[in-house]
Amino acid sequence: MKKKEAAVVSSVLSTVTTVDETWKGAAQAITRVARLKLGMTKPGRQKLAKQTWLWTDHIRDKVREKKKQAVPRIFYRKDG
């Protein structure tokens, strides 16, 4: 009986961990669920961040205005 009781108690109560381990586990669980629900398009970007159908007319106009004013950038490669 004591063995069964000990098995139940050990499965219910977690082992002693440090605060850092607990936070790391919580952060991993939250990140995993967020990626599952929101999805990812590129590393570090949420799927919803680029969906233009969510934009309001005001935001859409601002983006168009910004693209019209964009200055082309030239990057030079530095060899050796």
N, C-alpha and C. Protein backbone atom coordinates (compact mmCIF):
# COMPACT_ATOMS: atom_id res chain seq x y z
N MET A 1 0.83 -1.20 0.00
CA MET A 1 0.00 0.00 0.00
C MET A 1 0.87 1.26 0.00
N LYS A 2 1.93 1.26 0.75
CA LYS A 2 2.80 2.44 0.83
C LYS A 2 3.47 2.71 -0.51
N LYS A 3 3.80 1.65 -1.25
CA LYS A 3 4.44 1.83 -2.56
C LYS A 3 3.48 2.51 -3.53
N LYS A 4 2.23 2.06 -3.51
CA LYS A 4 1.22 2.68 -4.38
C LYS A 4 1.00 4.14 -3.99
N GLU A 5 0.94 4.37 -2.69
CA GLU A 5 0.74 5.73 -2.19
C GLU A 5 1.92 6.63 -2.58
N ALA A 6 3.11 6.12 -2.48
CA ALA A 6 4.31 6.88 -2.86
C ALA A 6 4.31 7.17 -4.35
N ALA A 7 3.86 6.21 -5.15
CA ALA A 7 3.81 6.41 -6.60
C ALA A 7 2.81 7.50 -6.96
N VAL A 8 1.67 7.51 -6.30
CA VAL A 8 0.65 8.53 -6.56
C VAL A 8 1.16 9.90 -6.13
N VAL A 9 1.75 9.97 -4.96
CA VAL A 9 2.25 11.25 -4.45
C VAL A 9 3.35 11.78 -5.35
N SER A 10 4.25 10.91 -5.80
CA SER A 10 5.35 11.38 -6.66
C SER A 10 4.85 11.81 -8.02
N SER A 11 3.76 11.22 -8.51
CA SER A 11 3.23 11.66 -9.81
C SER A 11 2.45 12.96 -9.69
N VAL A 12 1.83 13.20 -8.54
CA VAL A 12 1.07 14.43 -8.32
C VAL A 12 1.99 15.59 -8.00
N LEU A 13 2.93 15.38 -7.09
CA LEU A 13 3.85 16.43 -6.69
C LEU A 13 5.08 16.39 -7.58
N SER A 14 5.44 17.52 -8.12
CA SER A 14 6.62 17.57 -8.97
C SER A 14 7.87 17.54 -8.11
N THR A 15 8.98 17.19 -8.75
CA THR A 15 10.24 17.17 -8.02
C THR A 15 10.67 18.60 -7.75
N VAL A 16 11.57 18.77 -6.84
CA VAL A 16 12.06 20.10 -6.47
C VAL A 16 12.91 20.64 -7.61
N THR A 17 12.56 21.82 -8.09
CA THR A 17 13.31 22.47 -9.17
C THR A 17 13.65 23.89 -8.76
N THR A 18 14.58 24.45 -9.49
CA THR A 18 14.95 25.84 -9.21
C THR A 18 13.95 26.77 -9.88
N VAL A 19 13.99 28.02 -9.51
CA VAL A 19 13.10 29.01 -10.10
C VAL A 19 13.39 29.15 -11.59
N ASP A 20 14.67 29.13 -11.96
CA ASP A 20 15.04 29.26 -13.37
C ASP A 20 14.48 28.11 -14.20
N GLU A 21 14.55 26.89 -13.67
CA GLU A 21 14.02 25.74 -14.40
C GLU A 21 12.51 25.85 -14.56
N THR A 22 11.84 26.32 -13.52
CA THR A 22 10.39 26.48 -13.57
C THR A 22 10.00 27.52 -14.62
N TRP A 23 10.69 28.67 -14.62
CA TRP A 23 10.40 29.72 -15.60
C TRP A 23 10.71 29.25 -17.02
N LYS A 24 11.80 28.52 -17.18
CA LYS A 24 12.17 28.02 -18.50
C LYS A 24 11.10 27.07 -19.04
N GLY A 25 10.62 26.18 -18.17
CA GLY A 25 9.55 25.26 -18.56
C GLY A 25 8.27 25.99 -18.92
N ALA A 26 7.92 26.99 -18.12
CA ALA A 26 6.70 27.77 -18.40
C ALA A 26 6.84 28.53 -19.71
N ALA A 27 8.00 29.13 -19.93
CA ALA A 27 8.22 29.89 -21.17
C ALA A 27 8.15 28.98 -22.39
N GLN A 28 8.71 27.79 -22.28
CA GLN A 28 8.67 26.84 -23.40
C GLN A 28 7.23 26.40 -23.69
N ALA A 29 6.46 26.15 -22.64
CA ALA A 29 5.06 25.74 -22.83
C ALA A 29 4.25 26.86 -23.47
N ILE A 30 4.44 28.08 -23.02
CA ILE A 30 3.71 29.22 -23.58
C ILE A 30 4.10 29.44 -25.04
N THR A 31 5.39 29.36 -25.33
CA THR A 31 5.86 29.55 -26.71
C THR A 31 5.32 28.46 -27.62
N ARG A 32 5.32 27.22 -27.15
CA ARG A 32 4.83 26.10 -27.96
C ARG A 32 3.35 26.29 -28.31
N VAL A 33 2.54 26.67 -27.33
CA VAL A 33 1.11 26.87 -27.57
C VAL A 33 0.88 28.07 -28.48
N ALA A 34 1.63 29.15 -28.28
CA ALA A 34 1.48 30.34 -29.12
C ALA A 34 1.81 30.02 -30.57
N ARG A 35 2.89 29.27 -30.80
CA ARG A 35 3.25 28.90 -32.18
C ARG A 35 2.20 27.99 -32.79
N LEU A 36 1.64 27.10 -31.98
CA LEU A 36 0.61 26.21 -32.47
C LEU A 36 -0.63 26.99 -32.90
N LYS A 37 -1.03 27.95 -32.09
CA LYS A 37 -2.25 28.71 -32.37
C LYS A 37 -2.05 29.81 -33.41
N LEU A 38 -0.93 30.53 -33.33
CA LEU A 38 -0.72 31.69 -34.20
C LEU A 38 0.05 31.35 -35.46
N GLY A 39 0.91 30.36 -35.39
CA GLY A 39 1.72 29.99 -36.54
C GLY A 39 2.91 30.91 -36.70
N MET A 40 3.79 30.54 -37.60
CA MET A 40 5.00 31.32 -37.86
C MET A 40 5.22 31.39 -39.37
N THR A 41 5.64 32.53 -39.85
CA THR A 41 5.99 32.65 -41.26
C THR A 41 7.49 32.65 -41.45
N LYS A 42 8.18 33.47 -40.71
CA LYS A 42 9.64 33.54 -40.73
C LYS A 42 10.11 33.46 -39.29
N PRO A 43 11.34 33.04 -39.07
CA PRO A 43 11.81 32.98 -37.69
C PRO A 43 11.66 34.33 -36.98
N GLY A 44 10.99 34.31 -35.87
CA GLY A 44 10.83 35.53 -35.08
C GLY A 44 9.63 36.38 -35.43
N ARG A 45 8.89 36.02 -36.47
CA ARG A 45 7.71 36.82 -36.85
C ARG A 45 6.45 36.00 -36.68
N GLN A 46 5.43 36.62 -36.15
CA GLN A 46 4.16 35.94 -36.02
C GLN A 46 3.43 35.96 -37.35
N LYS A 47 2.60 34.97 -37.57
CA LYS A 47 1.86 34.86 -38.82
C LYS A 47 0.91 36.04 -39.01
N LEU A 48 0.30 36.52 -37.95
CA LEU A 48 -0.67 37.61 -38.05
C LEU A 48 -0.04 38.96 -38.38
N ALA A 49 1.26 39.10 -38.17
CA ALA A 49 1.91 40.39 -38.36
C ALA A 49 1.88 40.85 -39.81
N LYS A 50 1.85 39.94 -40.77
CA LYS A 50 1.91 40.31 -42.18
C LYS A 50 0.57 40.15 -42.92
N GLN A 51 -0.48 39.78 -42.25
CA GLN A 51 -1.76 39.57 -42.92
C GLN A 51 -2.44 40.92 -43.16
N THR A 52 -2.38 41.39 -44.39
CA THR A 52 -2.85 42.73 -44.71
C THR A 52 -4.36 42.87 -44.62
N TRP A 53 -5.11 41.80 -44.68
CA TRP A 53 -6.56 41.92 -44.58
C TRP A 53 -6.98 42.37 -43.18
N LEU A 54 -6.08 42.28 -42.20
CA LEU A 54 -6.40 42.75 -40.86
C LEU A 54 -6.18 44.26 -40.71
N TRP A 55 -5.50 44.85 -41.67
CA TRP A 55 -5.15 46.27 -41.56
C TRP A 55 -6.39 47.14 -41.75
N THR A 56 -6.42 48.26 -41.05
CA THR A 56 -7.49 49.24 -41.25
C THR A 56 -7.12 50.11 -42.45
N ASP A 57 -8.06 50.89 -42.93
CA ASP A 57 -7.79 51.78 -44.07
C ASP A 57 -6.69 52.77 -43.74
N HIS A 58 -6.68 53.25 -42.52
CA HIS A 58 -5.66 54.21 -42.08
C HIS A 58 -4.26 53.60 -42.19
N ILE A 59 -4.10 52.39 -41.70
CA ILE A 59 -2.80 51.72 -41.75
C ILE A 59 -2.41 51.44 -43.20
N ARG A 60 -3.36 50.99 -43.99
CA ARG A 60 -3.09 50.69 -45.41
C ARG A 60 -2.59 51.95 -46.13
N ASP A 61 -3.23 53.09 -45.87
CA ASP A 61 -2.81 54.35 -46.50
C ASP A 61 -1.41 54.76 -46.05
N LYS A 62 -1.13 54.59 -44.76
CA LYS A 62 0.20 54.94 -44.24
C LYS A 62 1.29 54.08 -44.88
N VAL A 63 1.02 52.79 -45.06
CA VAL A 63 2.00 51.89 -45.66
C VAL A 63 2.25 52.29 -47.11
N ARG A 64 1.19 52.59 -47.85
CA ARG A 64 1.35 53.02 -49.24
C ARG A 64 2.17 54.31 -49.33
N GLU A 65 1.87 55.25 -48.44
CA GLU A 65 2.59 56.52 -48.41
C GLU A 65 4.08 56.29 -48.11
N LYS A 66 4.34 55.43 -47.17
CA LYS A 66 5.73 55.14 -46.80
C LYS A 66 6.48 54.48 -47.95
N LYS A 67 5.82 53.58 -48.67
CA LYS A 67 6.47 52.90 -49.80
C LYS A 67 6.76 53.88 -50.94
N LYS A 68 5.89 54.87 -51.13
CA LYS A 68 6.12 55.87 -52.18
C LYS A 68 7.33 56.73 -51.85
N GLN A 69 7.55 57.00 -50.56
CA GLN A 69 8.64 57.86 -50.13
C GLN A 69 9.94 57.11 -49.91
N ALA A 70 9.91 55.81 -50.06
CA ALA A 70 11.11 55.01 -49.77
C ALA A 70 12.24 55.36 -50.73
N VAL A 71 13.41 55.47 -50.17
CA VAL A 71 14.61 55.77 -50.95
C VAL A 71 15.31 54.45 -51.24
N PRO A 72 15.61 54.19 -52.51
CA PRO A 72 16.32 52.94 -52.79
C PRO A 72 17.69 52.93 -52.12
N ARG A 73 18.02 51.84 -51.53
CA ARG A 73 19.30 51.72 -50.83
C ARG A 73 20.24 50.85 -51.64
N ILE A 74 21.47 51.28 -51.72
CA ILE A 74 22.49 50.52 -52.44
C ILE A 74 23.49 50.01 -51.42
N PHE A 75 23.70 48.71 -51.45
CA PHE A 75 24.66 48.11 -50.54
C PHE A 75 25.86 47.64 -51.35
N TYR A 76 27.01 48.07 -50.93
CA TYR A 76 28.24 47.68 -51.61
C TYR A 76 28.89 46.53 -50.85
N ARG A 77 29.33 45.56 -51.61
CA ARG A 77 30.01 44.43 -51.01
C ARG A 77 31.49 44.75 -50.88
N LYS A 78 32.00 44.53 -49.74
CA LYS A 78 33.40 44.81 -49.49
C LYS A 78 34.19 43.52 -49.69
N ASP A 79 35.00 43.46 -50.72
CA ASP A 79 35.79 42.26 -50.98
C ASP A 79 37.09 42.31 -50.21
N GLY A 80 37.38 41.20 -49.56
CA GLY A 80 38.62 40.95 -48.88
C GLY A 80 39.24 42.03 -48.21
